[in-house]
Amino acid sequence: MSESTPSMTIEQLSGFNNLVITQPRCPFCVKAKDLLDDRGTEYKTLVLGTDLEKPEMIEFIEKAANTTVRTVPQIILDGKYIGGHDDLVAFLARQDDAADADMSDFEL
């Protein structure tokens, strides 16, 4: 019996609003998922080699974000391409700054 390789179409990948593409033993993947978990963000995790192959990830990100990446994690939030771990940290910091600015305008 032959082993089948994982395969997902671009349409299937595009169906996930919040998505983290990871691979086993990737410390930055774990850190990125921990950040999202701490914020209560629900997301779908796809593992390279199990759920999809690297060429599929590369093609998906090229179509979704018009950029070529070969590293993990790769993160999509609210249907928007965020990038990797460092990009997620920067994105969340901008969100926090925006929330703080909104609260500074609040008066009792």
PDB file of N, CA and C in Angstrom:
ATOM      1  N   MET A   1       0.837  -1.177   0.000  1.00  0.00           N
ATOM      2  CA  MET A   1       0.000   0.000   0.000  1.00  0.00           C
ATOM      3  C   MET A   1       0.882   1.239   0.000  1.00  0.00           C
ATOM      4  N   SER A   2       0.660   2.139  -0.930  1.00  0.00           N
ATOM      5  CA  SER A   2       1.510   3.320  -1.020  1.00  0.00           C
ATOM      6  C   SER A   2       0.972   4.440  -0.135  1.00  0.00           C
ATOM      7  N   GLU A   3       1.926   5.220   0.388  1.00  0.00           N
ATOM      8  CA  GLU A   3       1.544   6.361   1.216  1.00  0.00           C
ATOM      9  C   GLU A   3       1.170   7.522   0.321  1.00  0.00           C
ATOM     10  N   SER A   4       0.078   8.165   0.633  1.00  0.00           N
ATOM     11  CA  SER A   4      -0.292   9.338  -0.151  1.00  0.00           C
ATOM     12  C   SER A   4       0.322  10.573   0.490  1.00  0.00           C
ATOM     13  N   THR A   5       0.706  11.503  -0.346  1.00  0.00           N
ATOM     14  CA  THR A   5       1.254  12.748   0.175  1.00  0.00           C
ATOM     15  C   THR A   5       0.116  13.717   0.434  1.00  0.00           C
ATOM     16  N   PRO A   6       0.290  14.572   1.445  1.00  0.00           N
ATOM     17  CA  PRO A   6      -0.758  15.542   1.729  1.00  0.00           C
ATOM     18  C   PRO A   6      -0.943  16.484   0.553  1.00  0.00           C
ATOM     19  N   SER A   7      -2.145  16.938   0.374  1.00  0.00           N
ATOM     20  CA  SER A   7      -2.412  17.860  -0.718  1.00  0.00           C
ATOM     21  C   SER A   7      -3.628  18.705  -0.381  1.00  0.00           C
ATOM     22  N   MET A   8      -3.471  20.009  -0.492  1.00  0.00           N
ATOM     23  CA  MET A   8      -4.588  20.930  -0.305  1.00  0.00           C
ATOM     24  C   MET A   8      -4.583  21.897  -1.475  1.00  0.00           C
ATOM     25  N   THR A   9      -5.758  22.229  -1.935  1.00  0.00           N
ATOM     26  CA  THR A   9      -5.858  23.194  -3.024  1.00  0.00           C
ATOM     27  C   THR A   9      -5.808  24.606  -2.461  1.00  0.00           C
ATOM     28  N   ILE A  10      -5.525  25.555  -3.331  1.00  0.00           N
ATOM     29  CA  ILE A  10      -5.532  26.966  -2.940  1.00  0.00           C
ATOM     30  C   ILE A  10      -6.910  27.340  -2.404  1.00  0.00           C
ATOM     31  N   GLU A  11      -7.950  26.812  -3.016  1.00  0.00           N
ATOM     32  CA  GLU A  11      -9.311  27.116  -2.565  1.00  0.00           C
ATOM     33  C   GLU A  11      -9.543  26.608  -1.146  1.00  0.00           C
ATOM     34  N   GLN A  12      -9.044  25.410  -0.850  1.00  0.00           N
ATOM     35  CA  GLN A  12      -9.192  24.878   0.506  1.00  0.00           C
ATOM     36  C   GLN A  12      -8.424  25.739   1.504  1.00  0.00           C
ATOM     37  N   LEU A  13      -7.203  26.105   1.168  1.00  0.00           N
ATOM     38  CA  LEU A  13      -6.399  26.933   2.064  1.00  0.00           C
ATOM     39  C   LEU A  13      -7.032  28.300   2.268  1.00  0.00           C
ATOM     40  N   SER A  14      -7.620  28.835   1.219  1.00  0.00           N
ATOM     41  CA  SER A  14      -8.250  30.153   1.307  1.00  0.00           C
ATOM     42  C   SER A  14      -9.499  30.131   2.184  1.00  0.00           C
ATOM     43  N   GLY A  15     -10.020  28.956   2.467  1.00  0.00           N
ATOM     44  CA  GLY A  15     -11.230  28.841   3.272  1.00  0.00           C
ATOM     45  C   GLY A  15     -11.012  29.049   4.760  1.00  0.00           C
ATOM     46  N   PHE A  16      -9.760  29.141   5.195  1.00  0.00           N
ATOM     47  CA  PHE A  16      -9.469  29.333   6.615  1.00  0.00           C
ATOM     48  C   PHE A  16      -9.280  30.816   6.905  1.00  0.00           C
ATOM     49  N   ASN A  17     -10.125  31.363   7.777  1.00  0.00           N
ATOM     50  CA  ASN A  17     -10.036  32.778   8.130  1.00  0.00           C
ATOM     51  C   ASN A  17      -8.813  33.056   9.004  1.00  0.00           C
ATOM     52  N   ASN A  18      -8.561  32.186   9.974  1.00  0.00           N
ATOM     53  CA  ASN A  18      -7.384  32.275  10.840  1.00  0.00           C
ATOM     54  C   ASN A  18      -6.599  30.983  10.674  1.00  0.00           C
ATOM     55  N   LEU A  19      -5.372  31.102  10.224  1.00  0.00           N
ATOM     56  CA  LEU A  19      -4.574  29.937   9.852  1.00  0.00           C
ATOM     57  C   LEU A  19      -3.135  30.127  10.297  1.00  0.00           C
ATOM     58  N   VAL A  20      -2.564  29.066  10.877  1.00  0.00           N
ATOM     59  CA  VAL A  20      -1.140  29.050  11.207  1.00  0.00           C
ATOM     60  C   VAL A  20      -0.550  27.810  10.548  1.00  0.00           C
ATOM     61  N   ILE A  21       0.404  28.023   9.652  1.00  0.00           N
ATOM     62  CA  ILE A  21       1.107  26.915   9.002  1.00  0.00           C
ATOM     63  C   ILE A  21       2.400  26.695   9.779  1.00  0.00           C
ATOM     64  N   THR A  22       2.598  25.457  10.245  1.00  0.00           N
ATOM     65  CA  THR A  22       3.726  25.135  11.112  1.00  0.00           C
ATOM     66  C   THR A  22       4.470  23.919  10.584  1.00  0.00           C
ATOM     67  N   GLN A  23       5.493  23.542  11.330  1.00  0.00           N
ATOM     68  CA  GLN A  23       6.138  22.253  11.115  1.00  0.00           C
ATOM     69  C   GLN A  23       6.598  21.750  12.477  1.00  0.00           C
ATOM     70  N   PRO A  24       6.790  20.448  12.605  1.00  0.00           N
ATOM     71  CA  PRO A  24       7.201  19.894  13.897  1.00  0.00           C
ATOM     72  C   PRO A  24       8.536  20.475  14.371  1.00  0.00           C
ATOM     73  N   ARG A  25       8.646  20.623  15.672  1.00  0.00           N
ATOM     74  CA  ARG A  25       9.875  21.076  16.339  1.00  0.00           C
ATOM     75  C   ARG A  25      10.299  22.481  15.946  1.00  0.00           C
ATOM     76  N   CYS A  26       9.357  23.323  15.608  1.00  0.00           N
ATOM     77  CA  CYS A  26       9.661  24.707  15.232  1.00  0.00           C
ATOM     78  C   CYS A  26       9.362  25.614  16.428  1.00  0.00           C
ATOM     79  N   PRO A  27      10.393  26.161  17.083  1.00  0.00           N
ATOM     80  CA  PRO A  27      10.147  26.979  18.277  1.00  0.00           C
ATOM     81  C   PRO A  27       9.356  28.253  17.986  1.00  0.00           C
ATOM     82  N   PHE A  28       9.560  28.858  16.827  1.00  0.00           N
ATOM     83  CA  PHE A  28       8.818  30.081  16.511  1.00  0.00           C
ATOM     84  C   PHE A  28       7.349  29.784  16.215  1.00  0.00           C
ATOM     85  N   CYS A  29       7.072  28.581  15.718  1.00  0.00           N
ATOM     86  CA  CYS A  29       5.678  28.162  15.518  1.00  0.00           C
ATOM     87  C   CYS A  29       4.977  28.042  16.864  1.00  0.00           C
ATOM     88  N   VAL A  30       5.650  27.434  17.824  1.00  0.00           N
ATOM     89  CA  VAL A  30       5.085  27.284  19.168  1.00  0.00           C
ATOM     90  C   VAL A  30       4.842  28.654  19.789  1.00  0.00           C
ATOM     91  N   LYS A  31       5.817  29.554  19.666  1.00  0.00           N
ATOM     92  CA  LYS A  31       5.668  30.899  20.238  1.00  0.00           C
ATOM     93  C   LYS A  31       4.506  31.653  19.596  1.00  0.00           C
ATOM     94  N   ALA A  32       4.375  31.544  18.292  1.00  0.00           N
ATOM     95  CA  ALA A  32       3.284  32.239  17.592  1.00  0.00           C
ATOM     96  C   ALA A  32       1.932  31.697  18.048  1.00  0.00           C
ATOM     97  N   LYS A  33       1.817  30.381  18.142  1.00  0.00           N
ATOM     98  CA  LYS A  33       0.551  29.794  18.587  1.00  0.00           C
ATOM     99  C   LYS A  33       0.261  30.166  20.040  1.00  0.00           C
ATOM    100  N   ASP A  34       1.293  30.237  20.876  1.00  0.00           N
ATOM    101  CA  ASP A  34       1.103  30.662  22.270  1.00  0.00           C
ATOM    102  C   ASP A  34       0.574  32.091  22.343  1.00  0.00           C
ATOM    103  N   LEU A  35       1.107  32.981  21.513  1.00  0.00           N
ATOM    104  CA  LEU A  35       0.618  34.367  21.484  1.00  0.00           C
ATOM    105  C   LEU A  35      -0.859  34.414  21.119  1.00  0.00           C
ATOM    106  N   LEU A  36      -1.241  33.653  20.116  1.00  0.00           N
ATOM    107  CA  LEU A  36      -2.643  33.629  19.693  1.00  0.00           C
ATOM    108  C   LEU A  36      -3.527  32.983  20.760  1.00  0.00           C
ATOM    109  N   ASP A  37      -3.032  31.917  21.373  1.00  0.00           N
ATOM    110  CA  ASP A  37      -3.792  31.254  22.441  1.00  0.00           C
ATOM    111  C   ASP A  37      -4.010  32.197  23.621  1.00  0.00           C
ATOM    112  N   ASP A  38      -2.968  32.948  23.992  1.00  0.00           N
ATOM    113  CA  ASP A  38      -3.073  33.890  25.113  1.00  0.00           C
ATOM    114  C   ASP A  38      -4.135  34.951  24.866  1.00  0.00           C
ATOM    115  N   ARG A  39      -4.380  35.267  23.610  1.00  0.00           N
ATOM    116  CA  ARG A  39      -5.388  36.270  23.253  1.00  0.00           C
ATOM    117  C   ARG A  39      -6.753  35.650  22.978  1.00  0.00           C
ATOM    118  N   GLY A  40      -6.827  34.339  23.068  1.00  0.00           N
ATOM    119  CA  GLY A  40      -8.100  33.667  22.832  1.00  0.00           C
ATOM    120  C   GLY A  40      -8.493  33.603  21.368  1.00  0.00           C
ATOM    121  N   THR A  41      -7.517  33.740  20.483  1.00  0.00           N
ATOM    122  CA  THR A  41      -7.777  33.694  19.042  1.00  0.00           C
ATOM    123  C   THR A  41      -7.906  32.244  18.592  1.00  0.00           C
ATOM    124  N   GLU A  42      -9.008  31.929  17.944  1.00  0.00           N
ATOM    125  CA  GLU A  42      -9.187  30.594  17.379  1.00  0.00           C
ATOM    126  C   GLU A  42      -8.557  30.564  15.996  1.00  0.00           C
ATOM    127  N   TYR A  43      -7.887  29.465  15.681  1.00  0.00           N
ATOM    128  CA  TYR A  43      -7.215  29.341  14.389  1.00  0.00           C
ATOM    129  C   TYR A  43      -7.096  27.871  14.023  1.00  0.00           C
ATOM    130  N   LYS A  44      -6.898  27.640  12.752  1.00  0.00           N
ATOM    131  CA  LYS A  44      -6.636  26.295  12.228  1.00  0.00           C
ATOM    132  C   LYS A  44      -5.129  26.149  12.071  1.00  0.00           C
ATOM    133  N   THR A  45      -4.591  25.042  12.540  1.00  0.00           N
ATOM    134  CA  THR A  45      -3.173  24.748  12.370  1.00  0.00           C
ATOM    135  C   THR A  45      -3.019  23.715  11.261  1.00  0.00           C
ATOM    136  N   LEU A  46      -2.149  24.013  10.313  1.00  0.00           N
ATOM    137  CA  LEU A  46      -1.775  23.043   9.283  1.00  0.00           C
ATOM    138  C   LEU A  46      -0.284  22.763   9.429  1.00  0.00           C
ATOM    139  N   VAL A  47       0.080  21.496   9.417  1.00  0.00           N
ATOM    140  CA  VAL A  47       1.461  21.084   9.621  1.00  0.00           C
ATOM    141  C   VAL A  47       2.067  20.658   8.290  1.00  0.00           C
ATOM    142  N   LEU A  48       3.214  21.269   7.959  1.00  0.00           N
ATOM    143  CA  LEU A  48       3.921  20.866   6.736  1.00  0.00           C
ATOM    144  C   LEU A  48       4.303  19.394   6.832  1.00  0.00           C
ATOM    145  N   GLY A  49       4.092  18.684   5.748  1.00  0.00           N
ATOM    146  CA  GLY A  49       4.416  17.271   5.697  1.00  0.00           C
ATOM    147  C   GLY A  49       3.288  16.370   6.162  1.00  0.00           C
ATOM    148  N   THR A  50       2.330  16.940   6.876  1.00  0.00           N
ATOM    149  CA  THR A  50       1.171  16.170   7.334  1.00  0.00           C
ATOM    150  C   THR A  50      -0.091  16.642   6.634  1.00  0.00           C
ATOM    151  N   ASP A  51      -0.338  17.945   6.693  1.00  0.00           N
ATOM    152  CA  ASP A  51      -1.552  18.520   6.112  1.00  0.00           C
ATOM    153  C   ASP A  51      -1.330  19.088   4.715  1.00  0.00           C
ATOM    154  N   LEU A  52      -0.139  19.579   4.474  1.00  0.00           N
ATOM    155  CA  LEU A  52       0.208  20.098   3.154  1.00  0.00           C
ATOM    156  C   LEU A  52       1.714  20.057   2.990  1.00  0.00           C
ATOM    157  N   GLU A  53       2.155  20.153   1.753  1.00  0.00           N
ATOM    158  CA  GLU A  53       3.584  20.138   1.447  1.00  0.00           C
ATOM    159  C   GLU A  53       4.086  21.566   1.268  1.00  0.00           C
ATOM    160  N   LYS A  54       5.387  21.732   1.403  1.00  0.00           N
ATOM    161  CA  LYS A  54       5.984  23.066   1.317  1.00  0.00           C
ATOM    162  C   LYS A  54       5.666  23.783   0.002  1.00  0.00           C
ATOM    163  N   PRO A  55       5.730  23.117  -1.158  1.00  0.00           N
ATOM    164  CA  PRO A  55       5.382  23.822  -2.401  1.00  0.00           C
ATOM    165  C   PRO A  55       3.950  24.368  -2.392  1.00  0.00           C
ATOM    166  N   GLU A  56       3.038  23.652  -1.741  1.00  0.00           N
ATOM    167  CA  GLU A  56       1.654  24.139  -1.642  1.00  0.00           C
ATOM    168  C   GLU A  56       1.586  25.390  -0.775  1.00  0.00           C
ATOM    169  N   MET A  57       2.347  25.407   0.332  1.00  0.00           N
ATOM    170  CA  MET A  57       2.382  26.586   1.186  1.00  0.00           C
ATOM    171  C   MET A  57       2.950  27.777   0.417  1.00  0.00           C
ATOM    172  N   ILE A  58       4.053  27.550  -0.271  1.00  0.00           N
ATOM    173  CA  ILE A  58       4.696  28.628  -1.025  1.00  0.00           C
ATOM    174  C   ILE A  58       3.729  29.197  -2.055  1.00  0.00           C
ATOM    175  N   GLU A  59       3.054  28.332  -2.801  1.00  0.00           N
ATOM    176  CA  GLU A  59       2.104  28.790  -3.817  1.00  0.00           C
ATOM    177  C   GLU A  59       0.946  29.557  -3.180  1.00  0.00           C
ATOM    178  N   PHE A  60       0.431  29.050  -2.064  1.00  0.00           N
ATOM    179  CA  PHE A  60      -0.686  29.710  -1.384  1.00  0.00           C
ATOM    180  C   PHE A  60      -0.299  31.109  -0.916  1.00  0.00           C
ATOM    181  N   ILE A  61       0.859  31.243  -0.269  1.00  0.00           N
ATOM    182  CA  ILE A  61       1.284  32.554   0.235  1.00  0.00           C
ATOM    183  C   ILE A  61       1.580  33.492  -0.927  1.00  0.00           C
ATOM    184  N   GLU A  62       2.165  32.973  -2.006  1.00  0.00           N
ATOM    185  CA  GLU A  62       2.407  33.818  -3.184  1.00  0.00           C
ATOM    186  C   GLU A  62       1.101  34.390  -3.712  1.00  0.00           C
ATOM    187  N   LYS A  63       0.064  33.569  -3.763  1.00  0.00           N
ATOM    188  CA  LYS A  63      -1.231  34.045  -4.264  1.00  0.00           C
ATOM    189  C   LYS A  63      -1.931  34.942  -3.250  1.00  0.00           C
ATOM    190  N   ALA A  64      -1.824  34.617  -1.966  1.00  0.00           N
ATOM    191  CA  ALA A  64      -2.523  35.374  -0.924  1.00  0.00           C
ATOM    192  C   ALA A  64      -1.866  36.720  -0.650  1.00  0.00           C
ATOM    193  N   ALA A  65      -0.531  36.768  -0.736  1.00  0.00           N
ATOM    194  CA  ALA A  65       0.175  37.975  -0.301  1.00  0.00           C
ATOM    195  C   ALA A  65       1.149  38.528  -1.328  1.00  0.00           C
ATOM    196  N   ASN A  66       1.233  37.890  -2.484  1.00  0.00           N
ATOM    197  CA  ASN A  66       2.150  38.338  -3.526  1.00  0.00           C
ATOM    198  C   ASN A  66       3.587  38.431  -3.011  1.00  0.00           C
ATOM    199  N   THR A  67       3.984  37.458  -2.205  1.00  0.00           N
ATOM    200  CA  THR A  67       5.344  37.387  -1.692  1.00  0.00           C
ATOM    201  C   THR A  67       5.758  35.922  -1.624  1.00  0.00           C
ATOM    202  N   THR A  68       7.052  35.669  -1.692  1.00  0.00           N
ATOM    203  CA  THR A  68       7.556  34.306  -1.626  1.00  0.00           C
ATOM    204  C   THR A  68       8.178  34.068  -0.261  1.00  0.00           C
ATOM    205  N   VAL A  69       7.719  33.037   0.422  1.00  0.00           N
ATOM    206  CA  VAL A  69       8.280  32.659   1.719  1.00  0.00           C
ATOM    207  C   VAL A  69       8.576  31.172   1.708  1.00  0.00           C
ATOM    208  N   ARG A  70       9.553  30.796   2.495  1.00  0.00           N
ATOM    209  CA  ARG A  70       9.918  29.388   2.584  1.00  0.00           C
ATOM    210  C   ARG A  70      10.043  28.938   4.038  1.00  0.00           C
ATOM    211  N   THR A  71       9.690  29.821   4.972  1.00  0.00           N
ATOM    212  CA  THR A  71       9.846  29.528   6.388  1.00  0.00           C
ATOM    213  C   THR A  71       8.491  29.407   7.070  1.00  0.00           C
ATOM    214  N   VAL A  72       8.506  28.833   8.250  1.00  0.00           N
ATOM    215  CA  VAL A  72       7.311  28.760   9.087  1.00  0.00           C
ATOM    216  C   VAL A  72       7.642  29.393  10.432  1.00  0.00           C
ATOM    217  N   PRO A  73       6.632  29.856  11.130  1.00  0.00           N
ATOM    218  CA  PRO A  73       5.222  29.788  10.809  1.00  0.00           C
ATOM    219  C   PRO A  73       4.841  30.798   9.738  1.00  0.00           C
ATOM    220  N   GLN A  74       3.717  30.552   9.096  1.00  0.00           N
ATOM    221  CA  GLN A  74       3.066  31.522   8.219  1.00  0.00           C
ATOM    222  C   GLN A  74       1.660  31.696   8.765  1.00  0.00           C
ATOM    223  N   ILE A  75       1.257  32.958   8.938  1.00  0.00           N
ATOM    224  CA  ILE A  75       0.042  33.254   9.695  1.00  0.00           C
ATOM    225  C   ILE A  75      -0.914  34.111   8.881  1.00  0.00           C
ATOM    226  N   ILE A  76      -2.175  33.707   8.887  1.00  0.00           N
ATOM    227  CA  ILE A  76      -3.283  34.459   8.293  1.00  0.00           C
ATOM    228  C   ILE A  76      -4.260  34.746   9.431  1.00  0.00           C
ATOM    229  N   LEU A  77      -4.650  36.007   9.610  1.00  0.00           N
ATOM    230  CA  LEU A  77      -5.652  36.375  10.616  1.00  0.00           C
ATOM    231  C   LEU A  77      -6.732  37.209   9.963  1.00  0.00           C
ATOM    232  N   ASP A  78      -7.967  36.882  10.252  1.00  0.00           N
ATOM    233  CA  ASP A  78      -9.116  37.567   9.649  1.00  0.00           C
ATOM    234  C   ASP A  78      -8.989  37.621   8.133  1.00  0.00           C
ATOM    235  N   GLY A  79      -8.439  36.547   7.555  1.00  0.00           N
ATOM    236  CA  GLY A  79      -8.286  36.464   6.113  1.00  0.00           C
ATOM    237  C   GLY A  79      -7.154  37.305   5.550  1.00  0.00           C
ATOM    238  N   LYS A  80      -6.362  37.949   6.424  1.00  0.00           N
ATOM    239  CA  LYS A  80      -5.265  38.830   5.992  1.00  0.00           C
ATOM    240  C   LYS A  80      -3.927  38.160   6.302  1.00  0.00           C
ATOM    241  N   TYR A  81      -3.031  38.193   5.323  1.00  0.00           N
ATOM    242  CA  TYR A  81      -1.705  37.618   5.523  1.00  0.00           C
ATOM    243  C   TYR A  81      -0.918  38.480   6.500  1.00  0.00           C
ATOM    244  N   ILE A  82      -0.445  37.874   7.592  1.00  0.00           N
ATOM    245  CA  ILE A  82       0.349  38.576   8.599  1.00  0.00           C
ATOM    246  C   ILE A  82       1.834  38.352   8.351  1.00  0.00           C
ATOM    247  N   GLY A  83       2.232  37.112   8.133  1.00  0.00           N
ATOM    248  CA  GLY A  83       3.639  36.783   7.935  1.00  0.00           C
ATOM    249  C   GLY A  83       4.066  35.730   8.930  1.00  0.00           C
ATOM    250  N   GLY A  84       5.297  35.860   9.427  1.00  0.00           N
ATOM    251  CA  GLY A  84       5.839  34.901  10.380  1.00  0.00           C
ATOM    252  C   GLY A  84       5.690  35.370  11.816  1.00  0.00           C
ATOM    253  N   HIS A  85       6.457  34.752  12.707  1.00  0.00           N
ATOM    254  CA  HIS A  85       6.381  35.055  14.135  1.00  0.00           C
ATOM    255  C   HIS A  85       6.659  36.523  14.421  1.00  0.00           C
ATOM    256  N   ASP A  86       7.768  37.051  13.912  1.00  0.00           N
ATOM    257  CA  ASP A  86       8.120  38.450  14.192  1.00  0.00           C
ATOM    258  C   ASP A  86       7.066  39.406  13.644  1.00  0.00           C
ATOM    259  N   ASP A  87       6.505  39.078  12.497  1.00  0.00           N
ATOM    260  CA  ASP A  87       5.432  39.901  11.926  1.00  0.00           C
ATOM    261  C   ASP A  87       4.197  39.863  12.817  1.00  0.00           C
ATOM    262  N   LEU A  88       3.909  38.700  13.395  1.00  0.00           N
ATOM    263  CA  LEU A  88       2.775  38.575  14.309  1.00  0.00           C
ATOM    264  C   LEU A  88       2.993  39.434  15.550  1.00  0.00           C
ATOM    265  N   VAL A  89       4.197  39.396  16.115  1.00  0.00           N
ATOM    266  CA  VAL A  89       4.506  40.213  17.296  1.00  0.00           C
ATOM    267  C   VAL A  89       4.281  41.689  16.981  1.00  0.00           C
ATOM    268  N   ALA A  90       4.772  42.154  15.839  1.00  0.00           N
ATOM    269  CA  ALA A  90       4.597  43.559  15.444  1.00  0.00           C
ATOM    270  C   ALA A  90       3.122  43.883  15.217  1.00  0.00           C
ATOM    271  N   PHE A  91       2.393  42.985  14.570  1.00  0.00           N
ATOM    272  CA  PHE A  91       0.966  43.189  14.310  1.00  0.00           C
ATOM    273  C   PHE A  91       0.193  43.319  15.618  1.00  0.00           C
ATOM    274  N   LEU A  92       0.465  42.430  16.568  1.00  0.00           N
ATOM    275  CA  LEU A  92      -0.238  42.474  17.852  1.00  0.00           C
ATOM    276  C   LEU A  92       0.129  43.725  18.642  1.00  0.00           C
ATOM    277  N   ALA A  93       1.383  44.168  18.554  1.00  0.00           N
ATOM    278  CA  ALA A  93       1.794  45.403  19.234  1.00  0.00           C
ATOM    279  C   ALA A  93       1.049  46.602  18.656  1.00  0.00           C
ATOM    280  N   ARG A  94       0.889  46.642  17.331  1.00  0.00           N
ATOM    281  CA  ARG A  94       0.127  47.737  16.710  1.00  0.00           C
ATOM    282  C   ARG A  94      -1.326  47.711  17.168  1.00  0.00           C
ATOM    283  N   GLN A  95      -1.894  46.512  17.283  1.00  0.00           N
ATOM    284  CA  GLN A  95      -3.271  46.393  17.777  1.00  0.00           C
ATOM    285  C   GLN A  95      -3.374  46.911  19.209  1.00  0.00           C
ATOM    286  N   ASP A  96      -2.398  46.547  20.044  1.00  0.00           N
ATOM    287  CA  ASP A  96      -2.402  47.007  21.434  1.00  0.00           C
ATOM    288  C   ASP A  96      -2.264  48.520  21.506  1.00  0.00           C
ATOM    289  N   ASP A  97      -1.377  49.090  20.678  1.00  0.00           N
ATOM    290  CA  ASP A  97      -1.197  50.545  20.650  1.00  0.00           C
ATOM    291  C   ASP A  97      -2.481  51.239  20.236  1.00  0.00           C
ATOM    292  N   ALA A  98      -3.167  50.689  19.249  1.00  0.00           N
ATOM    293  CA  ALA A  98      -4.422  51.282  18.780  1.00  0.00           C
ATOM    294  C   ALA A  98      -5.482  51.209  19.870  1.00  0.00           C
ATOM    295  N   ALA A  99      -5.539  50.101  20.589  1.00  0.00           N
ATOM    296  CA  ALA A  99      -6.518  49.960  21.674  1.00  0.00           C
ATOM    297  C   ALA A  99      -6.206  50.933  22.799  1.00  0.00           C
ATOM    298  N   ASP A 100      -4.919  51.120  23.124  1.00  0.00           N
ATOM    299  CA  ASP A 100      -4.526  52.078  24.164  1.00  0.00           C
ATOM    300  C   ASP A 100      -4.879  53.494  23.754  1.00  0.00           C
ATOM    301  N   ALA A 101      -4.679  53.829  22.484  1.00  0.00           N
ATOM    302  CA  ALA A 101      -4.997  55.174  21.994  1.00  0.00           C
ATOM    303  C   ALA A 101      -6.497  55.421  22.086  1.00  0.00           C
ATOM    304  N   ASP A 102      -7.300  54.433  21.755  1.00  0.00           N
ATOM    305  CA  ASP A 102      -8.754  54.579  21.848  1.00  0.00           C
ATOM    306  C   ASP A 102      -9.186  54.815  23.285  1.00  0.00           C
ATOM    307  N   MET A 103      -8.567  54.129  24.232  1.00  0.00           N
ATOM    308  CA  MET A 103      -8.931  54.272  25.641  1.00  0.00           C
ATOM    309  C   MET A 103      -8.480  55.614  26.202  1.00  0.00           C
ATOM    310  N   SER A 104      -7.408  56.197  25.662  1.00  0.00           N
ATOM    311  CA  SER A 104      -6.929  57.483  26.182  1.00  0.00           C
ATOM    312  C   SER A 104      -7.905  58.607  25.862  1.00  0.00           C
ATOM    313  N   ASP A 105      -8.736  58.418  24.859  1.00  0.00           N
ATOM    314  CA  ASP A 105      -9.734  59.429  24.508  1.00  0.00           C
ATOM    315  C   ASP A 105     -10.996  59.306  25.350  1.00  0.00           C
ATOM    316  N   PHE A 106     -11.073  58.251  26.143  1.00  0.00           N
ATOM    317  CA  PHE A 106     -12.271  57.980  26.936  1.00  0.00           C
ATOM    318  C   PHE A 106     -12.245  58.790  28.225  1.00  0.00           C
ATOM    319  N   GLU A 107     -13.316  59.493  28.498  1.00  0.00           N
ATOM    320  CA  GLU A 107     -13.420  60.266  29.739  1.00  0.00           C
ATOM    321  C   GLU A 107     -14.634  59.806  30.509  1.00  0.00           C
ATOM    322  N   LEU A 108     -14.515  59.832  31.818  1.00  0.00           N
ATOM    323  CA  LEU A 108     -15.656  59.489  32.682  1.00  0.00           C
ATOM    324  C   LEU A 108     -16.463  60.721  32.998  1.00  0.00           C
TER     325      LEU A 108
END
